Amino acid sequence: MSDGVRQAGILVGTTAPCVLASRADTVDTKLNSIAEAVMSVK
């Protein structure tokens, strides 16, 4: 991983946002995934 790179993961194409989180993910990655899912809701 590079310094300054932010990561997030969600499933695309579902009827509701679905966050992909791993137990090994950092708190920042989990928070970014949730924020990305919230921003994807129309």
PDB file of N, CA and C in Angstrom:
ATOM      1  N   MET A   1       0.839  -1.171   0.000  1.00  0.00           N
ATOM      2  CA  MET A   1       0.000   0.000   0.000  1.00  0.00           C
ATOM      3  C   MET A   1       0.885   1.236   0.000  1.00  0.00           C
ATOM      4  N   SER A   2       0.441   2.260  -0.702  1.00  0.00           N
ATOM      5  CA  SER A   2       1.188   3.510  -0.773  1.00  0.00           C
ATOM      6  C   SER A   2       0.743   4.465   0.319  1.00  0.00           C
ATOM      7  N   ASP A   3       1.630   5.327   0.737  1.00  0.00           N
ATOM      8  CA  ASP A   3       1.270   6.339   1.730  1.00  0.00           C
ATOM      9  C   ASP A   3       0.268   7.308   1.130  1.00  0.00           C
ATOM     10  N   GLY A   4      -0.724   7.691   1.914  1.00  0.00           N
ATOM     11  CA  GLY A   4      -1.712   8.670   1.468  1.00  0.00           C
ATOM     12  C   GLY A   4      -2.859   8.092   0.668  1.00  0.00           C
ATOM     13  N   VAL A   5      -2.858   6.796   0.408  1.00  0.00           N
ATOM     14  CA  VAL A   5      -3.927   6.171  -0.360  1.00  0.00           C
ATOM     15  C   VAL A   5      -5.031   5.739   0.598  1.00  0.00           C
ATOM     16  N   ARG A   6      -6.270   6.116   0.286  1.00  0.00           N
ATOM     17  CA  ARG A   6      -7.418   5.737   1.104  1.00  0.00           C
ATOM     18  C   ARG A   6      -8.135   4.589   0.425  1.00  0.00           C
ATOM     19  N   GLN A   7      -8.571   3.613   1.204  1.00  0.00           N
ATOM     20  CA  GLN A   7      -9.253   2.453   0.652  1.00  0.00           C
ATOM     21  C   GLN A   7     -10.680   2.384   1.168  1.00  0.00           C
ATOM     22  N   ALA A   8     -11.546   1.739   0.369  1.00  0.00           N
ATOM     23  CA  ALA A   8     -12.928   1.484   0.766  1.00  0.00           C
ATOM     24  C   ALA A   8     -13.446   0.357  -0.106  1.00  0.00           C
ATOM     25  N   GLY A   9     -14.501  -0.295   0.357  1.00  0.00           N
ATOM     26  CA  GLY A   9     -15.074  -1.367  -0.439  1.00  0.00           C
ATOM     27  C   GLY A   9     -16.569  -1.496  -0.234  1.00  0.00           C
ATOM     28  N   ILE A  10     -17.324  -1.496  -1.338  1.00  0.00           N
ATOM     29  CA  ILE A  10     -18.755  -1.750  -1.291  1.00  0.00           C
ATOM     30  C   ILE A  10     -19.119  -2.599  -2.500  1.00  0.00           C
ATOM     31  N   LEU A  11     -20.243  -3.295  -2.411  1.00  0.00           N
ATOM     32  CA  LEU A  11     -20.761  -4.029  -3.559  1.00  0.00           C
ATOM     33  C   LEU A  11     -21.542  -3.069  -4.442  1.00  0.00           C
ATOM     34  N   VAL A  12     -21.381  -3.201  -5.732  1.00  0.00           N
ATOM     35  CA  VAL A  12     -22.073  -2.347  -6.687  1.00  0.00           C
ATOM     36  C   VAL A  12     -23.154  -3.166  -7.387  1.00  0.00           C
ATOM     37  N   GLY A  13     -24.303  -2.531  -7.655  1.00  0.00           N
ATOM     38  CA  GLY A  13     -25.371  -3.207  -8.373  1.00  0.00           C
ATOM     39  C   GLY A  13     -26.408  -3.849  -7.472  1.00  0.00           C
ATOM     40  N   THR A  14     -26.299  -3.630  -6.173  1.00  0.00           N
ATOM     41  CA  THR A  14     -27.286  -4.175  -5.248  1.00  0.00           C
ATOM     42  C   THR A  14     -28.405  -3.158  -5.048  1.00  0.00           C
ATOM     43  N   THR A  15     -29.541  -3.609  -4.500  1.00  0.00           N
ATOM     44  CA  THR A  15     -30.654  -2.680  -4.288  1.00  0.00           C
ATOM     45  C   THR A  15     -30.415  -1.778  -3.077  1.00  0.00           C
ATOM     46  N   ALA A  16     -29.532  -2.175  -2.198  1.00  0.00           N
ATOM     47  CA  ALA A  16     -29.157  -1.363  -1.041  1.00  0.00           C
ATOM     48  C   ALA A  16     -27.635  -1.389  -0.920  1.00  0.00           C
ATOM     49  N   PRO A  17     -27.050  -0.315  -0.375  1.00  0.00           N
ATOM     50  CA  PRO A  17     -25.592  -0.309  -0.206  1.00  0.00           C
ATOM     51  C   PRO A  17     -25.141  -1.471   0.674  1.00  0.00           C
ATOM     52  N   CYS A  18     -24.086  -2.128   0.258  1.00  0.00           N
ATOM     53  CA  CYS A  18     -23.558  -3.273   1.002  1.00  0.00           C
ATOM     54  C   CYS A  18     -22.068  -3.046   1.215  1.00  0.00           C
ATOM     55  N   VAL A  19     -21.691  -2.823   2.464  1.00  0.00           N
ATOM     56  CA  VAL A  19     -20.296  -2.532   2.807  1.00  0.00           C
ATOM     57  C   VAL A  19     -19.527  -3.836   2.954  1.00  0.00           C
ATOM     58  N   LEU A  20     -18.351  -3.883   2.353  1.00  0.00           N
ATOM     59  CA  LEU A  20     -17.457  -5.034   2.498  1.00  0.00           C
ATOM     60  C   LEU A  20     -16.374  -4.668   3.502  1.00  0.00           C
ATOM     61  N   ALA A  21     -16.430  -5.272   4.659  1.00  0.00           N
ATOM     62  CA  ALA A  21     -15.430  -4.982   5.684  1.00  0.00           C
ATOM     63  C   ALA A  21     -14.811  -6.294   6.166  1.00  0.00           C
ATOM     64  N   SER A  22     -13.540  -6.236   6.407  1.00  0.00           N
ATOM     65  CA  SER A  22     -12.804  -7.384   6.921  1.00  0.00           C
ATOM     66  C   SER A  22     -12.359  -7.088   8.348  1.00  0.00           C
ATOM     67  N   ARG A  23     -12.206  -8.114   9.130  1.00  0.00           N
ATOM     68  CA  ARG A  23     -11.690  -7.907  10.484  1.00  0.00           C
ATOM     69  C   ARG A  23     -10.284  -7.319  10.448  1.00  0.00           C
ATOM     70  N   ALA A  24      -9.573  -7.552   9.362  1.00  0.00           N
ATOM     71  CA  ALA A  24      -8.207  -7.054   9.242  1.00  0.00           C
ATOM     72  C   ALA A  24      -8.139  -5.606   8.748  1.00  0.00           C
ATOM     73  N   ASP A  25      -9.266  -5.051   8.311  1.00  0.00           N
ATOM     74  CA  ASP A  25      -9.281  -3.666   7.842  1.00  0.00           C
ATOM     75  C   ASP A  25      -9.013  -2.705   8.993  1.00  0.00           C
ATOM     76  N   THR A  26      -8.389  -1.594   8.652  1.00  0.00           N
ATOM     77  CA  THR A  26      -8.172  -0.554   9.660  1.00  0.00           C
ATOM     78  C   THR A  26      -9.478   0.193   9.898  1.00  0.00           C
ATOM     79  N   VAL A  27      -9.507   0.948  10.972  1.00  0.00           N
ATOM     80  CA  VAL A  27     -10.687   1.760  11.280  1.00  0.00           C
ATOM     81  C   VAL A  27     -10.939   2.752  10.142  1.00  0.00           C
ATOM     82  N   ASP A  28      -9.884   3.330   9.593  1.00  0.00           N
ATOM     83  CA  ASP A  28     -10.034   4.277   8.483  1.00  0.00           C
ATOM     84  C   ASP A  28     -10.681   3.623   7.270  1.00  0.00           C
ATOM     85  N   THR A  29     -10.269   2.416   6.929  1.00  0.00           N
ATOM     86  CA  THR A  29     -10.839   1.709   5.787  1.00  0.00           C
ATOM     87  C   THR A  29     -12.318   1.411   6.015  1.00  0.00           C
ATOM     88  N   LYS A  30     -12.657   0.978   7.220  1.00  0.00           N
ATOM     89  CA  LYS A  30     -14.056   0.699   7.536  1.00  0.00           C
ATOM     90  C   LYS A  30     -14.891   1.969   7.453  1.00  0.00           C
ATOM     91  N   LEU A  31     -14.384   3.063   7.997  1.00  0.00           N
ATOM     92  CA  LEU A  31     -15.102   4.338   7.957  1.00  0.00           C
ATOM     93  C   LEU A  31     -15.263   4.822   6.520  1.00  0.00           C
ATOM     94  N   ASN A  32     -14.221   4.691   5.705  1.00  0.00           N
ATOM     95  CA  ASN A  32     -14.308   5.095   4.297  1.00  0.00           C
ATOM     96  C   ASN A  32     -15.333   4.250   3.549  1.00  0.00           C
ATOM     97  N   SER A  33     -15.432   2.977   3.845  1.00  0.00           N
ATOM     98  CA  SER A  33     -16.414   2.110   3.202  1.00  0.00           C
ATOM     99  C   SER A  33     -17.829   2.543   3.555  1.00  0.00           C
ATOM    100  N   ILE A  34     -18.051   2.863   4.820  1.00  0.00           N
ATOM    101  CA  ILE A  34     -19.379   3.320   5.243  1.00  0.00           C
ATOM    102  C   ILE A  34     -19.708   4.647   4.588  1.00  0.00           C
ATOM    103  N   ALA A  35     -18.752   5.567   4.550  1.00  0.00           N
ATOM    104  CA  ALA A  35     -18.975   6.873   3.929  1.00  0.00           C
ATOM    105  C   ALA A  35     -19.265   6.722   2.436  1.00  0.00           C
ATOM    106  N   GLU A  36     -18.555   5.846   1.766  1.00  0.00           N
ATOM    107  CA  GLU A  36     -18.798   5.606   0.343  1.00  0.00           C
ATOM    108  C   GLU A  36     -20.203   5.052   0.115  1.00  0.00           C
ATOM    109  N   ALA A  37     -20.636   4.145   0.970  1.00  0.00           N
ATOM    110  CA  ALA A  37     -21.981   3.571   0.851  1.00  0.00           C
ATOM    111  C   ALA A  37     -23.040   4.645   1.080  1.00  0.00           C
ATOM    112  N   VAL A  38     -22.835   5.504   2.051  1.00  0.00           N
ATOM    113  CA  VAL A  38     -23.798   6.577   2.329  1.00  0.00           C
ATOM    114  C   VAL A  38     -23.875   7.536   1.143  1.00  0.00           C
ATOM    115  N   MET A  39     -22.738   7.857   0.554  1.00  0.00           N
ATOM    116  CA  MET A  39     -22.733   8.796  -0.582  1.00  0.00           C
ATOM    117  C   MET A  39     -23.331   8.178  -1.837  1.00  0.00           C
ATOM    118  N   SER A  40     -23.394   6.853  -1.914  1.00  0.00           N
ATOM    119  CA  SER A  40     -23.932   6.199  -3.110  1.00  0.00           C
ATOM    120  C   SER A  40     -25.455   6.130  -3.104  1.00  0.00           C
ATOM    121  N   VAL A  41     -26.092   6.420  -1.956  1.00  0.00           N
ATOM    122  CA  VAL A  41     -27.560   6.361  -1.855  1.00  0.00           C
ATOM    123  C   VAL A  41     -28.145   7.590  -2.549  1.00  0.00           C
ATOM    124  N   LYS A  42     -29.136   7.332  -3.367  1.00  0.00           N
ATOM    125  CA  LYS A  42     -29.765   8.455  -4.097  1.00  0.00           C
ATOM    126  C   LYS A  42     -31.051   8.852  -3.426  1.00  0.00           C
TER     127      LYS A  42
END
